[in-house]
Amino acid sequence: MTELDSSLLLSFDDGAPPPPPAPLPAALDWRPPPPDAAPVTALVDSAAAGDFDLGDFTTSLLQADVLDTTAIDLPGATVTLPYGMRLLRRMEPILRSIYEQHGYEEYDYPLLVPAASLEPTRTLMPLRNSLVIAGDDNDWAAGRKRMVLTPTGEAAVYTHWARTVRSRTDLPIRGYRRTRYYRPARAGRSVFRAIEALDVFEFQSCFAEEREAREGFADALKMSREVSTALHVPALWATRPPWTNNDAVSDLTVGADVPLPQGSTIQVGSVYQQGQRFSRAYGVAYRESGERINTWHVTGALTRRLLLMHLMLGMDSQGELLVHPDLAPVQIGLTMSTADPAQRAEARELTDLLAVRGVRCELQFPENRNRVSRLQRVWRRQGVPLRIYLQPARKPGERIKVVVVRADTRDEAVLLPGRLAGLAQGLVRALDEVGVGYLRRTLGFVARRCRPADRHTAKEVLADRAVAVFPLTAGRLEVEEVASWGLGEVLGLRRVAEPRPCVVTGKPTRAVAFVSARR
């Protein structure tokens, strides 16, 4: 194949990141932070973004109690810390719910498989230096490759299907699993390149007919985009050019990439229309009218990279996080340093009212101001959307002073309510404001980062480390010509309604490419 049919490309305006939303009306009387407060600038808006690297990111994640890549001396080995686990527990039900709404059922497969079970895959693609081999001392002494830690799910899943699929009535199968991928990595501590990739939500589906598989592919793509939208990750979904990707494993591949502050992109998900490649290799087939018919497969995966991108795009130039309220384990953190039972009860009444409204609160009563400050600093670093200082009344007739700080701007509201319970409705609306603030930060960044170009400006845009968006014929020669510039790679292609001149040939084309720097 030398050119992709335009019908195989996603429509340009179908599922692309939306523009940033307008700010909401102020729920509280917000004031700028005090003059002596450290100024907050979103990383994606700061001059430091170009110098930001993944080492800075992992340092920020360690400081926020998300993860640690320094403890285990293997490439990318990660200890997920308590706050990271809490974030994953917020992500997981969102993802599972969407998968299951699309008819996928959860399975669990072994991570260890016999080495022989990868042999069918070798007929489709080379696996030399691509597998992590497992065994005991006797295996090593004998030079025996007995077991493999699975690099993807095909070996386990398709071996299972080959034994269980017998007739059309066994189909379709739609399954997903939360798993880990094991792939050799020689060096580095990047959370994005590890021997053991954590929290991979892989899905596979098996169909009797090609038509059903095409419909299943479209649905799997819709499902995957719903997940990235629900997690507030502005991904660029596009059809991968087969000539610069591994076309041995699929008829058609759609990938999702997220722009990074320093100018490259990272893949967060993919969907593969595999055709009958793997069913023939693994012998997955059903019988009908005496004929043995191979099944049609659709597969893909979304990973914890979605969560990591949510954190990276939200953080500020000092490495402190901003988490959208939908994902925040704690949406409102409150401190009150008092032993007065009545005032403590009033604070609990407020958090109880907020809990009834679905708000996740954490109310702490530190012993002194130093501990209040320490806890508030932790919450600030972790991106808790609203932080509240409840300053207790010191004498009869005095009111509790309430200082509310929003994480996206650090603006403050100082309140003296008659009863704390009266603040509940306003705080819910303030949370919505912070959510919109997060979207304005991240969607605004992606909108700025993706810059339209033509044959006169394409190289200039790429040299500036932006994601260039320009007309490009969906052909091998054109894609390879762009790669030969040495400025970036074609991430994917989408379809537009009106033809425009290709940046390489000048001929009209309805294909538009996303092109990004490699690193």
Protein backbone atom coordinates (compact mmCIF):
# COMPACT_ATOMS: atom_id res chain seq x y z
CA MET A 1 0.00 0.00 0.00
CA THR A 2 1.42 3.36 -1.04
CA GLU A 3 -1.48 5.61 0.01
CA LEU A 4 -4.23 5.47 2.62
CA ASP A 5 -7.80 5.93 1.44
CA SER A 6 -9.21 9.12 2.95
CA SER A 7 -12.21 7.16 4.26
CA LEU A 8 -9.83 5.47 6.74
CA LEU A 9 -8.90 8.80 8.32
CA LEU A 10 -10.76 10.36 11.22
CA SER A 11 -12.70 13.49 10.41
CA PHE A 12 -10.67 16.48 11.60
CA ASP A 13 -13.47 17.93 13.73
CA ASP A 14 -14.62 14.57 15.12
CA GLY A 15 -13.33 14.21 18.66
CA ALA A 16 -10.58 16.83 18.45
CA PRO A 17 -9.87 18.68 21.72
CA PRO A 18 -12.47 21.42 22.20
CA PRO A 19 -11.51 25.08 22.66
CA PRO A 20 -10.97 26.31 26.22
CA PRO A 21 -14.24 27.09 28.04
CA ALA A 22 -15.16 30.57 29.20
CA PRO A 23 -14.61 31.34 32.91
CA LEU A 24 -17.58 30.76 35.21
CA PRO A 25 -19.14 33.59 37.22
CA ALA A 26 -17.33 34.02 40.52
CA ALA A 27 -18.84 31.90 43.29
CA LEU A 28 -16.94 33.77 45.99
CA ASP A 29 -15.39 37.21 46.33
CA TRP A 30 -11.99 36.19 45.02
CA ARG A 31 -9.00 38.44 45.61
CA PRO A 32 -5.46 38.09 44.19
CA PRO A 33 -2.95 36.36 46.46
CA PRO A 34 -1.12 38.56 48.98
CA PRO A 35 1.89 40.49 47.61
CA ASP A 36 4.30 38.39 49.67
CA ALA A 37 2.94 35.10 48.27
CA ALA A 38 4.95 33.21 45.67
CA PRO A 39 3.49 33.98 42.22
CA VAL A 40 1.85 31.03 40.47
CA THR A 41 2.37 30.49 36.76
CA ALA A 42 1.13 27.43 34.93
CA LEU A 43 4.05 25.41 33.59
CA VAL A 44 2.49 25.38 30.13
CA ASP A 45 2.34 29.20 30.20
CA SER A 46 5.81 29.81 31.61
CA ALA A 47 9.11 30.62 29.97
CA ALA A 48 10.56 27.62 31.83
CA ALA A 49 8.46 25.17 29.84
CA GLY A 50 11.10 24.83 27.13
CA ASP A 51 13.70 23.74 29.70
CA PHE A 52 11.34 21.39 31.53
CA ASP A 53 12.29 17.73 31.23
CA LEU A 54 10.95 14.41 32.45
CA GLY A 55 13.47 14.38 35.30
CA ASP A 56 11.89 17.56 36.64
CA PHE A 57 8.50 15.91 36.33
CA THR A 58 9.46 12.80 38.29
CA THR A 59 10.99 15.00 41.00
CA SER A 60 7.69 16.87 41.31
CA LEU A 61 5.78 13.59 41.49
CA LEU A 62 8.06 12.36 44.28
CA GLN A 63 7.58 15.59 46.24
CA ALA A 64 3.81 15.25 45.85
CA ASP A 65 3.86 11.64 47.16
CA VAL A 66 2.73 10.30 43.75
CA LEU A 67 5.61 8.02 42.75
CA ASP A 68 9.31 7.35 43.23
CA THR A 69 11.64 6.21 40.44
CA THR A 70 14.85 6.44 42.48
CA ALA A 71 14.54 3.47 44.84
CA ILE A 72 14.73 0.42 42.56
CA ASP A 73 17.79 0.16 40.33
CA LEU A 74 16.08 -0.92 37.11
CA PRO A 75 15.13 1.27 34.14
CA GLY A 76 11.85 3.02 34.86
CA ALA A 77 11.12 0.94 37.97
CA THR A 78 8.44 2.79 39.89
CA VAL A 79 7.20 2.76 43.46
CA THR A 80 3.68 4.16 43.45
CA LEU A 81 3.25 6.19 46.63
CA PRO A 82 0.03 6.65 48.65
CA TYR A 83 -1.20 9.80 46.90
CA GLY A 84 -0.47 8.17 43.56
CA MET A 85 -2.57 5.18 44.58
CA ARG A 86 -5.42 7.49 45.59
CA LEU A 87 -5.27 9.17 42.18
CA LEU A 88 -5.35 5.79 40.46
CA ARG A 89 -8.38 4.80 42.52
CA ARG A 90 -10.12 7.88 41.13
CA MET A 91 -9.08 7.07 37.55
CA GLU A 92 -9.90 3.37 37.60
CA PRO A 93 -13.71 3.46 38.13
CA ILE A 94 -14.08 6.13 35.43
CA LEU A 95 -12.26 3.93 32.97
CA ARG A 96 -13.97 0.69 33.98
CA SER A 97 -17.40 2.31 33.78
CA ILE A 98 -16.83 3.52 30.22
CA TYR A 99 -15.39 0.17 29.10
CA GLU A 100 -18.36 -1.68 30.53
CA GLN A 101 -20.87 0.75 29.03
CA HIS A 102 -19.45 -0.35 25.67
CA GLY A 103 -20.02 -4.02 26.47
CA TYR A 104 -16.51 -5.00 27.57
CA GLU A 105 -16.25 -7.49 30.44
CA GLU A 106 -13.29 -7.77 32.76
CA TYR A 107 -10.94 -10.76 32.57
CA ASP A 108 -7.67 -11.53 34.29
CA TYR A 109 -4.87 -13.34 32.47
CA PRO A 110 -1.48 -14.55 33.71
CA LEU A 111 1.49 -12.27 33.20
CA LEU A 112 3.76 -15.28 32.70
CA VAL A 113 3.26 -17.42 29.59
CA PRO A 114 5.26 -20.26 28.06
CA ALA A 115 7.90 -18.95 25.69
CA ALA A 116 6.38 -21.12 22.97
CA SER A 117 3.14 -19.14 23.12
CA LEU A 118 4.95 -16.16 21.55
CA GLU A 119 5.99 -18.16 18.49
CA PRO A 120 2.82 -17.28 16.51
CA THR A 121 3.60 -13.60 17.07
CA ARG A 122 7.11 -14.15 15.68
CA THR A 123 5.54 -15.05 12.35
CA LEU A 124 4.14 -11.50 12.20
CA MET A 125 6.92 -9.39 13.69
CA PRO A 126 10.48 -9.81 15.00
CA LEU A 127 10.76 -10.29 18.75
CA ARG A 128 14.53 -10.44 19.15
CA ASN A 129 15.57 -8.40 22.21
CA SER A 130 11.89 -7.55 22.78
CA LEU A 131 11.04 -10.07 25.52
CA VAL A 132 11.77 -10.33 29.23
CA ILE A 133 12.57 -14.00 29.86
CA ALA A 134 11.81 -15.66 33.21
CA GLY A 135 13.08 -18.92 34.69
CA ASP A 136 14.96 -20.54 37.54
CA ASP A 137 18.67 -21.30 37.92
CA ASN A 138 18.30 -24.63 36.14
CA ASP A 139 16.69 -22.90 33.16
CA TRP A 140 19.55 -20.42 32.93
CA ALA A 141 22.18 -23.14 33.30
CA ALA A 142 20.56 -25.13 30.50
CA GLY A 143 20.07 -22.08 28.29
CA ARG A 144 16.36 -22.83 28.36
CA LYS A 145 13.82 -20.05 27.70
CA ARG A 146 10.87 -21.49 29.56
CA MET A 147 8.68 -18.50 30.41
CA VAL A 148 8.12 -14.96 29.21
CA LEU A 149 6.68 -11.94 31.02
CA THR A 150 4.07 -10.76 28.56
CA PRO A 151 4.92 -7.65 26.49
CA THR A 152 1.24 -7.39 25.48
CA GLY A 153 -1.80 -9.58 25.97
CA GLU A 154 -1.98 -11.40 22.65
CA ALA A 155 -0.11 -14.55 23.69
CA ALA A 156 -2.35 -15.23 26.69
CA VAL A 157 -5.64 -13.93 25.30
CA TYR A 158 -5.47 -15.45 21.82
CA THR A 159 -4.24 -18.79 23.16
CA HIS A 160 -7.33 -18.78 25.38
CA TRP A 161 -9.65 -17.84 22.51
CA ALA A 162 -8.17 -20.60 20.34
CA ARG A 163 -9.41 -23.11 22.92
CA THR A 164 -12.80 -21.57 23.65
CA VAL A 165 -14.13 -20.28 20.31
CA ARG A 166 -15.91 -23.08 18.47
CA SER A 167 -18.96 -21.60 16.77
CA ARG A 168 -20.49 -18.28 15.81
CA THR A 169 -22.55 -18.43 19.01
CA ASP A 170 -19.33 -17.96 21.02
CA LEU A 171 -18.92 -14.53 19.44
CA PRO A 172 -18.50 -11.65 19.81
CA ILE A 173 -16.09 -11.49 22.72
CA ARG A 174 -15.30 -8.14 24.30
CA GLY A 175 -12.87 -8.27 27.18
CA TYR A 176 -10.58 -5.96 29.09
CA ARG A 177 -8.04 -6.33 31.86
CA ARG A 178 -5.84 -4.21 34.07
CA THR A 179 -2.35 -5.50 33.50
CA ARG A 180 1.36 -4.76 33.21
CA TYR A 181 3.55 -4.86 30.13
CA TYR A 182 7.14 -6.13 30.32
CA ARG A 183 9.60 -4.91 27.70
CA PRO A 184 13.38 -4.60 27.83
CA ALA A 185 14.74 -1.13 28.58
CA ARG A 186 18.47 -0.60 28.84
CA ALA A 187 18.81 2.61 30.80
CA GLY A 188 17.06 5.59 32.31
CA ARG A 189 14.50 6.26 35.01
CA SER A 190 11.74 7.75 32.89
CA VAL A 191 8.22 6.91 34.01
CA PHE A 192 7.39 6.60 30.31
CA ARG A 193 10.02 4.02 29.40
CA ALA A 194 10.18 1.15 31.86
CA ILE A 195 10.84 -2.56 31.84
CA GLU A 196 7.57 -2.94 33.75
CA ALA A 197 4.80 -0.64 32.48
CA LEU A 198 2.14 -0.34 35.16
CA ASP A 199 -1.63 0.09 34.97
CA VAL A 200 -2.28 -0.84 31.36
CA PHE A 201 -6.01 -1.10 30.69
CA GLU A 202 -5.90 -3.37 27.66
CA PHE A 203 -8.98 -4.39 25.69
CA GLN A 204 -9.54 -7.05 23.03
CA SER A 205 -12.56 -8.00 20.98
CA CYS A 206 -13.21 -10.91 18.66
CA PHE A 207 -15.80 -10.94 15.86
CA ALA A 208 -17.20 -13.43 13.39
CA GLU A 209 -17.24 -11.10 10.39
CA GLU A 210 -15.22 -8.24 8.97
CA ARG A 211 -18.23 -5.91 9.01
CA GLU A 212 -18.72 -6.51 12.74
CA ALA A 213 -15.02 -5.88 13.33
CA ARG A 214 -15.16 -2.55 11.50
CA GLU A 215 -18.10 -1.52 13.67
CA GLY A 216 -16.23 -2.80 16.73
CA PHE A 217 -13.17 -0.74 15.79
CA ALA A 218 -15.27 2.42 15.50
CA ASP A 219 -16.87 1.68 18.88
CA ALA A 220 -13.50 0.94 20.54
CA LEU A 221 -12.19 4.25 19.24
CA LYS A 222 -15.27 6.07 20.53
CA MET A 223 -14.83 4.36 23.90
CA SER A 224 -11.16 5.30 24.13
CA ARG A 225 -11.84 8.93 23.31
CA GLU A 226 -14.59 9.01 25.93
CA VAL A 227 -12.02 7.89 28.50
CA SER A 228 -9.48 10.57 27.59
CA THR A 229 -12.25 13.20 27.66
CA ALA A 230 -13.55 11.99 31.05
CA LEU A 231 -10.01 12.18 32.45
CA HIS A 232 -9.61 15.69 30.99
CA VAL A 233 -6.59 14.78 28.89
CA PRO A 234 -6.58 16.71 25.58
CA ALA A 235 -5.25 13.97 23.30
CA LEU A 236 -4.75 14.24 19.56
CA TRP A 237 -6.38 11.15 18.02
CA ALA A 238 -5.27 10.38 14.47
CA THR A 239 -4.70 7.49 12.04
CA ARG A 240 -1.09 6.30 12.19
CA PRO A 241 0.75 6.22 8.83
CA PRO A 242 1.58 2.53 8.32
CA TRP A 243 4.96 3.21 6.68
CA THR A 244 6.57 4.69 9.78
CA ASN A 245 4.78 2.44 12.29
CA ASN A 246 4.57 -1.31 12.83
CA ASP A 247 2.05 -2.21 10.12
CA ALA A 248 2.70 -5.93 10.65
CA VAL A 249 0.28 -6.04 13.59
CA SER A 250 -2.78 -4.26 12.17
CA ASP A 251 -4.69 -3.19 9.09
CA LEU A 252 -5.32 0.20 10.67
CA THR A 253 -4.04 1.92 13.80
CA VAL A 254 -5.30 5.04 15.56
CA GLY A 255 -3.11 6.56 18.23
CA ALA A 256 -3.58 9.26 20.86
CA ASP A 257 -0.77 11.71 21.55
CA VAL A 258 -0.53 14.54 24.07
CA PRO A 259 1.73 17.57 23.51
CA LEU A 260 4.37 18.08 26.20
CA PRO A 261 5.51 21.45 27.58
CA GLN A 262 9.01 21.14 26.11
CA GLY A 263 7.74 20.53 22.60
CA SER A 264 7.49 16.79 21.90
CA THR A 265 4.51 14.48 22.44
CA ILE A 266 3.77 11.26 24.31
CA GLN A 267 1.46 8.43 23.27
CA VAL A 268 -1.26 7.68 25.82
CA GLY A 269 -3.42 5.19 23.94
CA SER A 270 -3.96 3.23 20.77
CA VAL A 271 -6.61 1.18 18.96
CA TYR A 272 -5.74 -1.52 16.40
CA GLN A 273 -7.89 -3.06 13.69
CA GLN A 274 -5.97 -6.33 13.45
CA GLY A 275 -8.03 -8.08 10.81
CA GLN A 276 -7.34 -11.83 10.77
CA ARG A 277 -3.57 -11.57 11.28
CA PHE A 278 -3.49 -12.93 14.80
CA SER A 279 -6.45 -15.28 14.47
CA ARG A 280 -4.62 -17.08 11.65
CA ALA A 281 -1.36 -17.14 13.62
CA TYR A 282 -2.98 -18.41 16.83
CA GLY A 283 -5.66 -20.57 15.25
CA VAL A 284 -8.68 -18.65 16.57
CA ALA A 285 -11.56 -19.83 14.39
CA TYR A 286 -15.12 -21.13 14.35
CA ARG A 287 -16.81 -23.70 12.16
CA GLU A 288 -19.79 -22.98 9.96
CA SER A 289 -21.23 -25.22 7.23
CA GLY A 290 -18.17 -27.42 7.51
CA GLU A 291 -15.79 -24.52 6.94
CA ARG A 292 -13.23 -23.23 9.42
CA ILE A 293 -13.38 -19.41 9.52
CA ASN A 294 -10.81 -17.25 11.29
CA THR A 295 -12.08 -14.48 13.54
CA TRP A 296 -11.53 -10.74 13.22
CA HIS A 297 -9.85 -8.87 16.06
CA VAL A 298 -9.83 -5.34 17.46
CA THR A 299 -7.53 -4.45 20.33
CA GLY A 300 -6.06 -1.47 22.12
CA ALA A 301 -4.92 -0.04 25.42
CA LEU A 302 -5.10 3.05 27.59
CA THR A 303 -2.55 3.45 30.35
CA ARG A 304 -1.58 5.35 33.48
CA ARG A 305 0.11 7.77 31.09
CA LEU A 306 -3.30 9.44 30.87
CA LEU A 307 -3.13 10.22 34.58
CA LEU A 308 0.49 11.35 34.32
CA MET A 309 -0.40 13.70 31.46
CA HIS A 310 -3.29 15.08 33.51
CA LEU A 311 -0.77 15.92 36.23
CA MET A 312 1.94 17.29 33.94
CA LEU A 313 -0.31 19.65 31.99
CA GLY A 314 -1.90 20.96 35.17
CA MET A 315 1.25 21.63 37.19
CA ASP A 316 2.79 25.05 37.75
CA SER A 317 6.29 26.31 37.06
CA GLN A 318 7.35 25.42 40.63
CA GLY A 319 6.35 21.79 40.15
CA GLU A 320 3.16 21.97 42.22
CA LEU A 321 0.17 20.10 40.87
CA LEU A 322 -3.32 21.14 39.85
CA VAL A 323 -5.79 18.25 39.74
CA HIS A 324 -9.22 18.61 38.17
CA PRO A 325 -11.92 18.16 40.84
CA ASP A 326 -13.28 15.11 38.98
CA LEU A 327 -10.01 13.26 39.64
CA ALA A 328 -8.90 14.83 42.91
CA PRO A 329 -8.94 12.33 45.81
CA VAL A 330 -9.51 15.34 48.08
CA GLN A 331 -11.51 18.13 46.49
CA ILE A 332 -11.54 20.40 49.53
CA GLY A 333 -8.95 20.27 52.30
CA LEU A 334 -9.84 22.08 55.54
CA THR A 335 -7.74 22.79 58.62
CA MET A 336 -8.85 24.15 61.99
CA SER A 337 -6.51 24.49 64.95
CA THR A 338 -8.77 24.44 67.99
CA ALA A 339 -9.78 22.13 70.80
CA ASP A 340 -13.21 23.77 71.16
CA PRO A 341 -15.80 20.97 70.67
CA ALA A 342 -18.49 23.37 69.44
CA GLN A 343 -16.32 24.87 66.71
CA ARG A 344 -15.09 21.43 65.66
CA ALA A 345 -18.68 20.26 65.43
CA GLU A 346 -19.55 23.25 63.24
CA ALA A 347 -16.67 22.41 60.90
CA ARG A 348 -17.83 18.77 60.70
CA GLU A 349 -21.35 19.95 59.92
CA LEU A 350 -19.98 21.80 56.89
CA THR A 351 -18.04 18.79 55.59
CA ASP A 352 -21.07 16.55 56.16
CA LEU A 353 -23.20 18.90 54.04
CA LEU A 354 -20.54 18.92 51.35
CA ALA A 355 -20.34 15.12 51.42
CA VAL A 356 -24.10 14.92 50.82
CA ARG A 357 -23.47 17.02 47.69
CA GLY A 358 -20.84 14.52 46.54
CA VAL A 359 -17.79 16.55 47.57
CA ARG A 360 -14.74 14.68 48.84
CA CYS A 361 -13.43 16.59 51.86
CA GLU A 362 -10.60 16.11 54.31
CA LEU A 363 -10.96 17.98 57.60
CA GLN A 364 -7.96 18.04 59.91
CA PHE A 365 -7.48 19.59 63.36
CA PRO A 366 -3.71 20.18 63.66
CA GLU A 367 -2.39 21.04 67.11
CA ASN A 368 -0.72 24.31 66.15
CA ARG A 369 -0.07 26.75 63.33
CA ASN A 370 3.13 25.03 62.24
CA ARG A 371 1.26 21.82 61.60
CA VAL A 372 -1.50 23.73 59.82
CA SER A 373 1.11 25.26 57.51
CA ARG A 374 2.79 21.91 56.89
CA LEU A 375 -0.47 20.20 55.95
CA GLN A 376 -1.58 23.07 53.74
CA ARG A 377 1.77 22.93 51.91
CA VAL A 378 1.27 19.23 51.23
CA TRP A 379 -2.20 19.87 49.82
CA ARG A 380 -0.89 22.75 47.72
CA ARG A 381 1.83 20.55 46.24
CA GLN A 382 -0.71 17.79 45.53
CA GLY A 383 -3.06 20.12 43.69
CA VAL A 384 -6.07 19.89 46.03
CA PRO A 385 -8.58 22.15 44.19
CA LEU A 386 -9.76 24.16 47.21
CA ARG A 387 -7.84 24.64 50.45
CA ILE A 388 -9.59 26.22 53.42
CA TYR A 389 -8.16 27.70 56.60
CA LEU A 390 -10.80 27.77 59.34
CA GLN A 391 -9.47 30.27 61.87
CA PRO A 392 -11.35 29.67 65.14
CA ALA A 393 -13.13 32.32 67.13
CA ARG A 394 -11.02 33.38 70.11
CA LYS A 395 -13.77 34.91 72.27
CA PRO A 396 -17.57 34.82 72.61
CA GLY A 397 -19.44 36.60 69.83
CA GLU A 398 -16.52 36.36 67.41
CA ARG A 399 -17.07 34.50 64.13
CA ILE A 400 -14.94 31.79 62.59
CA LYS A 401 -12.81 33.33 59.87
CA VAL A 402 -12.69 31.33 56.64
CA VAL A 403 -9.91 31.72 54.06
CA VAL A 404 -10.54 29.79 50.83
CA VAL A 405 -7.66 29.34 48.35
CA ARG A 406 -8.21 28.00 44.83
CA ALA A 407 -5.43 25.90 43.33
CA ASP A 408 -5.56 27.15 39.75
CA THR A 409 -4.93 30.85 40.47
CA ARG A 410 -4.13 30.93 44.23
CA ASP A 411 -6.78 33.64 44.51
CA GLU A 412 -8.26 33.87 48.00
CA ALA A 413 -11.69 34.58 49.44
CA VAL A 414 -11.95 35.73 53.06
CA LEU A 415 -15.34 35.05 54.65
CA LEU A 416 -16.99 35.61 58.03
CA PRO A 417 -20.19 33.53 57.83
CA GLY A 418 -22.80 33.37 60.54
CA ARG A 419 -22.67 29.57 60.29
CA LEU A 420 -20.12 27.51 58.35
CA ALA A 421 -22.92 25.37 56.92
CA GLY A 422 -24.07 28.34 54.88
CA LEU A 423 -20.90 28.09 52.78
CA ALA A 424 -21.67 24.68 51.27
CA GLN A 425 -23.42 25.81 48.10
CA GLY A 426 -20.83 28.48 47.30
CA LEU A 427 -17.97 26.01 47.78
CA VAL A 428 -19.55 23.55 45.34
CA ARG A 429 -19.73 26.33 42.75
CA ALA A 430 -16.14 27.32 43.54
CA LEU A 431 -15.06 23.75 42.79
CA ASP A 432 -16.70 24.07 39.38
CA GLU A 433 -14.68 27.25 38.84
CA VAL A 434 -11.43 25.42 39.54
CA GLY A 435 -12.47 22.64 37.15
CA VAL A 436 -12.98 25.20 34.40
CA GLY A 437 -9.67 26.79 35.38
CA TYR A 438 -7.95 23.43 34.83
CA LEU A 439 -9.55 23.06 31.39
CA ARG A 440 -8.63 26.60 30.41
CA ARG A 441 -5.03 25.85 31.32
CA THR A 442 -4.71 22.52 29.50
CA LEU A 443 -6.98 23.05 26.50
CA GLY A 444 -5.51 26.50 25.98
CA PHE A 445 -2.03 24.97 25.92
CA VAL A 446 -2.94 22.34 23.32
CA ALA A 447 -4.70 24.94 21.18
CA ARG A 448 -1.54 27.09 21.21
CA ARG A 449 0.80 24.15 20.73
CA CYS A 450 -0.99 22.84 17.61
CA ARG A 451 -0.13 25.40 14.96
CA PRO A 452 -1.52 25.38 11.41
CA ALA A 453 1.15 25.47 8.72
CA ASP A 454 1.57 25.28 4.96
CA ARG A 455 4.42 24.43 2.60
CA HIS A 456 6.07 27.78 3.34
CA THR A 457 5.88 27.65 7.15
CA ALA A 458 5.89 23.92 8.04
CA LYS A 459 9.62 23.65 8.77
CA GLU A 460 9.61 26.88 10.75
CA VAL A 461 6.77 25.64 12.99
CA LEU A 462 8.58 22.34 13.61
CA ALA A 463 11.86 24.12 14.35
CA ASP A 464 9.94 26.06 17.00
CA ARG A 465 9.00 22.67 18.55
CA ALA A 466 5.29 23.14 18.05
CA VAL A 467 2.96 20.44 16.73
CA ALA A 468 2.60 21.38 13.08
CA VAL A 469 -0.81 20.77 11.50
CA PHE A 470 -0.61 20.87 7.73
CA PRO A 471 -2.04 19.30 4.56
CA LEU A 472 -0.16 16.12 3.63
CA THR A 473 -1.14 13.48 1.13
CA ALA A 474 -1.62 10.21 3.04
CA GLY A 475 1.07 8.43 1.06
CA ARG A 476 4.36 6.67 1.76
CA LEU A 477 6.50 9.09 -0.25
CA GLU A 478 5.01 12.18 1.38
CA VAL A 479 5.25 10.82 4.94
CA GLU A 480 8.84 9.68 4.41
CA GLU A 481 9.75 13.04 2.89
CA VAL A 482 8.55 14.82 6.05
CA ALA A 483 10.58 12.38 8.16
CA SER A 484 13.66 13.13 6.04
CA TRP A 485 13.57 16.78 7.17
CA GLY A 486 14.88 15.59 10.54
CA LEU A 487 12.55 17.96 12.38
CA GLY A 488 9.84 15.57 13.52
CA GLU A 489 7.60 12.64 12.71
CA VAL A 490 4.08 12.33 11.38
CA LEU A 491 2.04 11.31 14.42
CA GLY A 492 -1.14 10.74 12.46
CA LEU A 493 -3.48 11.88 9.73
CA ARG A 494 -7.01 13.21 9.74
CA ARG A 495 -9.52 14.10 7.04
CA VAL A 496 -10.85 17.57 6.18
CA ALA A 497 -13.81 18.51 4.03
CA GLU A 498 -12.06 20.76 1.51
CA PRO A 499 -8.86 19.86 -0.40
CA ARG A 500 -5.74 21.93 0.31
CA PRO A 501 -2.24 21.89 -1.25
CA CYS A 502 0.01 19.15 0.15
CA VAL A 503 3.14 20.64 1.78
CA VAL A 504 5.34 18.18 -0.12
CA THR A 505 3.82 17.95 -3.61
CA GLY A 506 1.54 20.98 -3.77
CA LYS A 507 -1.24 18.74 -5.07
CA PRO A 508 -4.73 18.98 -3.51
CA THR A 509 -5.34 16.60 -0.61
CA ARG A 510 -8.03 16.10 1.99
CA ALA A 511 -5.57 14.69 4.53
CA VAL A 512 -4.08 16.77 7.33
CA ALA A 513 -1.11 15.61 9.40
CA PHE A 514 -0.10 16.17 13.02
CA VAL A 515 3.71 16.39 13.02
CA SER A 516 5.77 16.65 16.20
CA ALA A 517 9.38 16.73 17.31
CA ARG A 518 10.55 13.30 18.43
CA ARG A 519 12.11 14.41 21.73
